[in-house]
Amino acid sequence: MKIVVIGAGLIGTSIALGAKRAGAEVELIDADGRAQNLANDLVDSKKVTDPTIVVVATPTSALNSVIERFKSSYPKSTFIDIGSTKTKVKVDVQVDSEFASRFCPTHPMAGRELDGPEGAQSDLFVGKSWIITPLPQTSGESIALVKELIEKLGARVIAMSPEDHDAAVAAISHLPQVISSLLAAQLEGMSAEHLALAGTGVLDTTRIAGSNPALWEEILKLNKGALLPLLKDFQKDLSTL
């Protein structure tokens, strides 16, 4: 298997490291030259021609421009994304029915609060769920290749509709992120003496508050329809308490 990863951040570089460990040929491409060079050095990659799969490991807002740039460069490759919302991806990609046949939206349920290639791990996806939301046009061949890659990375493949995916991650990922960030904000300005008393409970519940705020602003906007009712229910529970 030959893999091109576009986006040398935490997830993209972790995919590249895991794929290389599984015996694949890997190349990383990034608009940030420093990140690209660092990631390729970490992976010990080389130039890949005619990749089996192209992984678009960028924010969802950049997906369309990346596809337009690279789909003709890799006319036979299967493409996947790794974004945290899937309904918009479904709508956008289906505009080009030919390309949609070789595109499979995906979302690995793994990550860290760290950002960039420096935080990448080859085993980041081992034992984790990796959701796929194939389009009606996605070919069986492309789906099979995507499943093969995910399994090589040690993850479990779970197929869902884009709508079910967005509803699920609103509850198990996006709501916890908001709550963690709000909790961490309450600790701003507290004295070092008081913070030194904190145990693992505080660390566990605020760890993900260190995640990339620009990325999360995008995710929350994209999935606000599923998230807002959960936030309102949480607000009611706080009022009751």
Protein backbone atom coordinates (compact mmCIF):
# COMPACT_ATOMS: atom_id res chain seq x y z
CA MET A 1 0.00 0.00 0.00
CA LYS A 2 1.22 3.52 -0.86
CA ILE A 3 -0.07 6.49 1.13
CA VAL A 4 0.10 10.24 0.59
CA VAL A 5 -0.93 12.27 3.65
CA ILE A 6 -1.87 15.90 3.05
CA GLY A 7 -1.56 17.71 6.35
CA ALA A 8 1.39 17.08 8.67
CA GLY A 9 -0.39 17.73 11.95
CA LEU A 10 -0.92 15.36 14.85
CA ILE A 11 -3.40 13.05 13.09
CA GLY A 12 -1.78 13.12 9.66
CA THR A 13 1.70 12.41 10.98
CA SER A 14 0.37 9.67 13.29
CA ILE A 15 -1.33 8.01 10.31
CA ALA A 16 1.92 8.21 8.36
CA LEU A 17 3.94 6.75 11.24
CA GLY A 18 1.46 3.90 11.74
CA ALA A 19 1.26 3.14 8.01
CA LYS A 20 5.05 3.12 7.70
CA ARG A 21 5.28 0.75 10.64
CA ALA A 22 2.77 -1.52 8.85
CA GLY A 23 4.99 -1.63 5.76
CA ALA A 24 3.41 1.05 3.56
CA GLU A 25 5.26 3.61 1.47
CA VAL A 26 4.41 7.06 2.83
CA GLU A 27 4.80 10.72 1.86
CA LEU A 28 3.54 13.79 3.73
CA ILE A 29 2.61 17.11 2.11
CA ASP A 30 1.89 20.31 4.01
CA ALA A 31 1.60 24.00 3.15
CA ASP A 32 3.84 24.67 6.15
CA GLY A 33 7.32 23.71 4.95
CA ARG A 34 8.69 23.29 8.48
CA ALA A 35 5.91 20.90 9.48
CA GLN A 36 6.27 18.97 6.21
CA ASN A 37 10.02 18.53 6.59
CA LEU A 38 9.79 17.58 10.25
CA ALA A 39 7.01 15.04 9.62
CA ASN A 40 8.83 13.45 6.68
CA ASP A 41 12.01 13.22 8.75
CA LEU A 42 10.08 11.58 11.61
CA VAL A 43 8.48 9.06 9.26
CA ASP A 44 11.62 8.59 7.14
CA SER A 45 9.39 8.94 4.09
CA LYS A 46 10.08 9.21 0.38
CA LYS A 47 8.32 10.47 -2.74
CA VAL A 48 5.22 8.42 -3.54
CA THR A 49 3.75 8.11 -7.02
CA ASP A 50 0.30 6.66 -7.79
CA PRO A 51 -0.73 6.32 -4.13
CA THR A 52 -3.30 3.73 -3.13
CA ILE A 53 -4.92 6.19 -0.69
CA VAL A 54 -4.65 9.94 -0.25
CA VAL A 55 -5.43 11.03 3.30
CA VAL A 56 -6.65 14.61 3.60
CA ALA A 57 -5.66 15.38 7.19
CA THR A 58 -6.64 19.04 7.20
CA PRO A 59 -9.45 20.99 8.88
CA THR A 60 -12.79 20.50 7.12
CA SER A 61 -12.73 24.13 5.98
CA ALA A 62 -9.72 23.33 3.76
CA LEU A 63 -11.11 20.07 2.36
CA ASN A 64 -12.63 21.45 -0.84
CA SER A 65 -9.54 23.40 -1.85
CA VAL A 66 -7.27 20.41 -1.16
CA ILE A 67 -9.49 18.10 -3.21
CA GLU A 68 -9.57 20.56 -6.13
CA ARG A 69 -5.80 20.78 -6.05
CA PHE A 70 -4.97 17.09 -5.77
CA LYS A 71 -7.79 15.02 -7.31
CA SER A 72 -6.38 15.37 -10.82
CA SER A 73 -2.81 14.78 -9.57
CA TYR A 74 -3.91 11.39 -8.22
CA PRO A 75 -6.65 10.32 -10.67
CA LYS A 76 -6.73 6.67 -9.59
CA SER A 77 -6.35 7.08 -5.84
CA THR A 78 -8.96 6.61 -3.16
CA PHE A 79 -9.31 9.74 -0.98
CA ILE A 80 -10.37 9.99 2.66
CA ASP A 81 -10.71 12.84 5.13
CA ILE A 82 -10.38 12.66 8.91
CA GLY A 83 -12.60 15.58 9.97
CA SER A 84 -14.75 15.66 13.09
CA THR A 85 -18.02 16.38 11.24
CA LYS A 86 -19.38 14.47 8.27
CA THR A 87 -22.71 15.95 7.10
CA LYS A 88 -21.11 18.94 5.35
CA VAL A 89 -18.48 16.70 3.77
CA LYS A 90 -21.22 14.52 2.29
CA VAL A 91 -22.94 17.53 0.73
CA ASP A 92 -19.74 19.08 -0.63
CA VAL A 93 -18.17 15.97 -2.15
CA GLN A 94 -21.33 14.70 -3.85
CA VAL A 95 -21.19 17.69 -6.21
CA ASP A 96 -18.59 15.76 -8.23
CA SER A 97 -20.10 12.30 -8.72
CA GLU A 98 -17.02 10.88 -10.47
CA PHE A 99 -14.73 11.90 -7.64
CA ALA A 100 -17.31 10.83 -5.03
CA SER A 101 -16.93 7.24 -6.25
CA ARG A 102 -13.36 7.22 -4.89
CA PHE A 103 -13.92 9.27 -1.75
CA CYS A 104 -14.84 7.86 1.66
CA PRO A 105 -15.40 10.22 4.60
CA THR A 106 -13.84 8.96 7.85
CA HIS A 107 -13.19 10.08 11.42
CA PRO A 108 -10.66 8.39 13.74
CA MET A 109 -11.86 8.59 17.34
CA ALA A 110 -8.40 9.28 18.69
CA GLY A 111 -6.29 12.30 19.43
CA ARG A 112 -4.25 14.21 21.95
CA GLU A 113 -4.35 17.71 23.37
CA LEU A 114 -0.98 18.26 21.66
CA ASP A 115 -0.79 19.67 18.15
CA GLY A 116 1.55 19.30 15.19
CA PRO A 117 3.89 16.49 14.11
CA GLU A 118 5.81 16.72 17.39
CA GLY A 119 2.90 15.06 19.18
CA ALA A 120 2.43 12.23 16.67
CA GLN A 121 2.45 8.57 17.74
CA SER A 122 2.56 5.49 15.53
CA ASP A 123 0.19 3.64 17.90
CA LEU A 124 -2.29 6.51 18.35
CA PHE A 125 -5.15 4.54 16.74
CA VAL A 126 -4.49 1.08 18.19
CA GLY A 127 -7.66 -0.25 19.81
CA LYS A 128 -9.64 2.88 18.92
CA SER A 129 -12.81 3.22 16.87
CA TRP A 130 -12.49 4.69 13.37
CA ILE A 131 -15.80 5.73 11.84
CA ILE A 132 -16.45 5.62 8.10
CA THR A 133 -19.48 7.24 6.47
CA PRO A 134 -19.38 6.06 2.84
CA LEU A 135 -21.29 8.09 0.29
CA PRO A 136 -23.91 6.40 -1.90
CA GLN A 137 -21.43 6.81 -4.77
CA THR A 138 -18.38 5.44 -2.91
CA SER A 139 -17.21 2.31 -4.73
CA GLY A 140 -16.88 -1.02 -2.99
CA GLU A 141 -13.21 -1.10 -3.98
CA SER A 142 -12.53 2.21 -2.24
CA ILE A 143 -14.39 1.14 0.89
CA ALA A 144 -12.34 -2.07 1.03
CA LEU A 145 -9.06 -0.14 0.71
CA VAL A 146 -10.07 2.29 3.45
CA LYS A 147 -10.98 -0.57 5.78
CA GLU A 148 -7.64 -2.22 5.05
CA LEU A 149 -5.72 0.94 5.97
CA ILE A 150 -7.69 1.48 9.18
CA GLU A 151 -7.11 -2.10 10.26
CA LYS A 152 -3.38 -1.80 9.48
CA LEU A 153 -3.32 1.14 11.90
CA GLY A 154 -4.84 -1.08 14.62
CA ALA A 155 -8.27 0.59 14.78
CA ARG A 156 -11.80 -0.87 14.61
CA VAL A 157 -13.89 0.10 11.58
CA ILE A 158 -17.42 1.33 12.38
CA ALA A 159 -19.77 2.32 9.55
CA MET A 160 -22.41 4.99 10.22
CA SER A 161 -24.47 7.53 8.34
CA PRO A 162 -23.07 11.09 8.39
CA GLU A 163 -26.11 12.25 10.37
CA ASP A 164 -25.73 9.56 13.03
CA HIS A 165 -22.01 10.29 13.25
CA ASP A 166 -22.54 14.00 13.88
CA ALA A 167 -25.17 13.32 16.53
CA ALA A 168 -22.92 10.81 18.29
CA VAL A 169 -19.77 12.92 18.37
CA ALA A 170 -21.74 15.95 19.57
CA ALA A 171 -22.47 13.99 22.75
CA ILE A 172 -19.25 12.03 23.28
CA SER A 173 -16.65 14.46 21.94
CA HIS A 174 -17.86 18.01 21.30
CA LEU A 175 -19.86 18.49 24.50
CA PRO A 176 -17.02 17.16 26.70
CA GLN A 177 -14.60 19.51 24.93
CA VAL A 178 -16.80 22.53 25.69
CA ILE A 179 -17.28 21.51 29.32
CA SER A 180 -13.55 20.87 29.80
CA SER A 181 -12.71 24.28 28.34
CA LEU A 182 -15.28 26.05 30.52
CA LEU A 183 -14.00 24.25 33.62
CA ALA A 184 -10.40 25.19 32.81
CA ALA A 185 -11.50 28.81 32.34
CA GLN A 186 -12.83 28.82 35.91
CA LEU A 187 -9.29 28.08 37.14
CA GLU A 188 -7.78 31.10 35.35
CA GLY A 189 -6.32 33.53 37.85
CA MET A 190 -6.26 31.04 40.73
CA SER A 191 -3.15 31.25 42.85
CA ALA A 192 -0.31 28.82 42.24
CA GLU A 193 -0.62 27.74 45.88
CA HIS A 194 -4.22 26.65 45.38
CA LEU A 195 -3.57 25.05 41.97
CA ALA A 196 -0.77 22.98 43.53
CA LEU A 197 -3.42 21.17 45.56
CA ALA A 198 -5.10 19.79 42.43
CA GLY A 199 -5.26 16.04 42.02
CA THR A 200 -5.88 13.77 39.05
CA GLY A 201 -9.57 14.69 38.94
CA VAL A 202 -8.81 18.26 37.88
CA LEU A 203 -6.10 17.12 35.48
CA ASP A 204 -8.34 14.51 33.87
CA THR A 205 -11.30 16.84 33.41
CA THR A 206 -9.28 19.77 32.01
CA ARG A 207 -6.68 17.93 29.89
CA ILE A 208 -8.45 18.38 26.55
CA ALA A 209 -8.96 22.08 27.23
CA GLY A 210 -5.43 22.48 25.89
CA SER A 211 -6.58 21.50 22.39
CA ASN A 212 -6.21 23.81 19.38
CA PRO A 213 -8.86 26.56 19.86
CA ALA A 214 -9.04 27.54 16.16
CA LEU A 215 -9.76 23.94 15.16
CA TRP A 216 -12.44 23.60 17.83
CA GLU A 217 -14.09 26.86 16.85
CA GLU A 218 -14.54 25.38 13.36
CA ILE A 219 -15.82 22.04 14.66
CA LEU A 220 -18.38 23.64 16.97
CA LYS A 221 -19.70 25.87 14.20
CA LEU A 222 -20.03 22.95 11.79
CA ASN A 223 -21.88 20.77 14.29
CA LYS A 224 -23.86 23.40 16.18
CA GLY A 225 -27.19 21.89 15.14
CA ALA A 226 -26.44 18.68 17.03
CA LEU A 227 -24.56 20.35 19.88
CA LEU A 228 -26.90 23.20 20.86
CA PRO A 229 -29.70 20.96 22.26
CA LEU A 230 -27.10 19.12 24.39
CA LEU A 231 -25.72 22.40 25.74
CA LYS A 232 -29.24 23.56 26.62
CA ASP A 233 -29.93 20.29 28.46
CA PHE A 234 -26.64 20.66 30.32
CA GLN A 235 -27.57 24.24 31.22
CA LYS A 236 -30.87 22.99 32.66
CA ASP A 237 -29.04 20.39 34.74
CA LEU A 238 -26.74 23.08 36.14
CA SER A 239 -29.73 25.23 37.01
CA THR A 240 -31.40 22.30 38.75
CA LEU A 241 -28.23 21.57 40.71
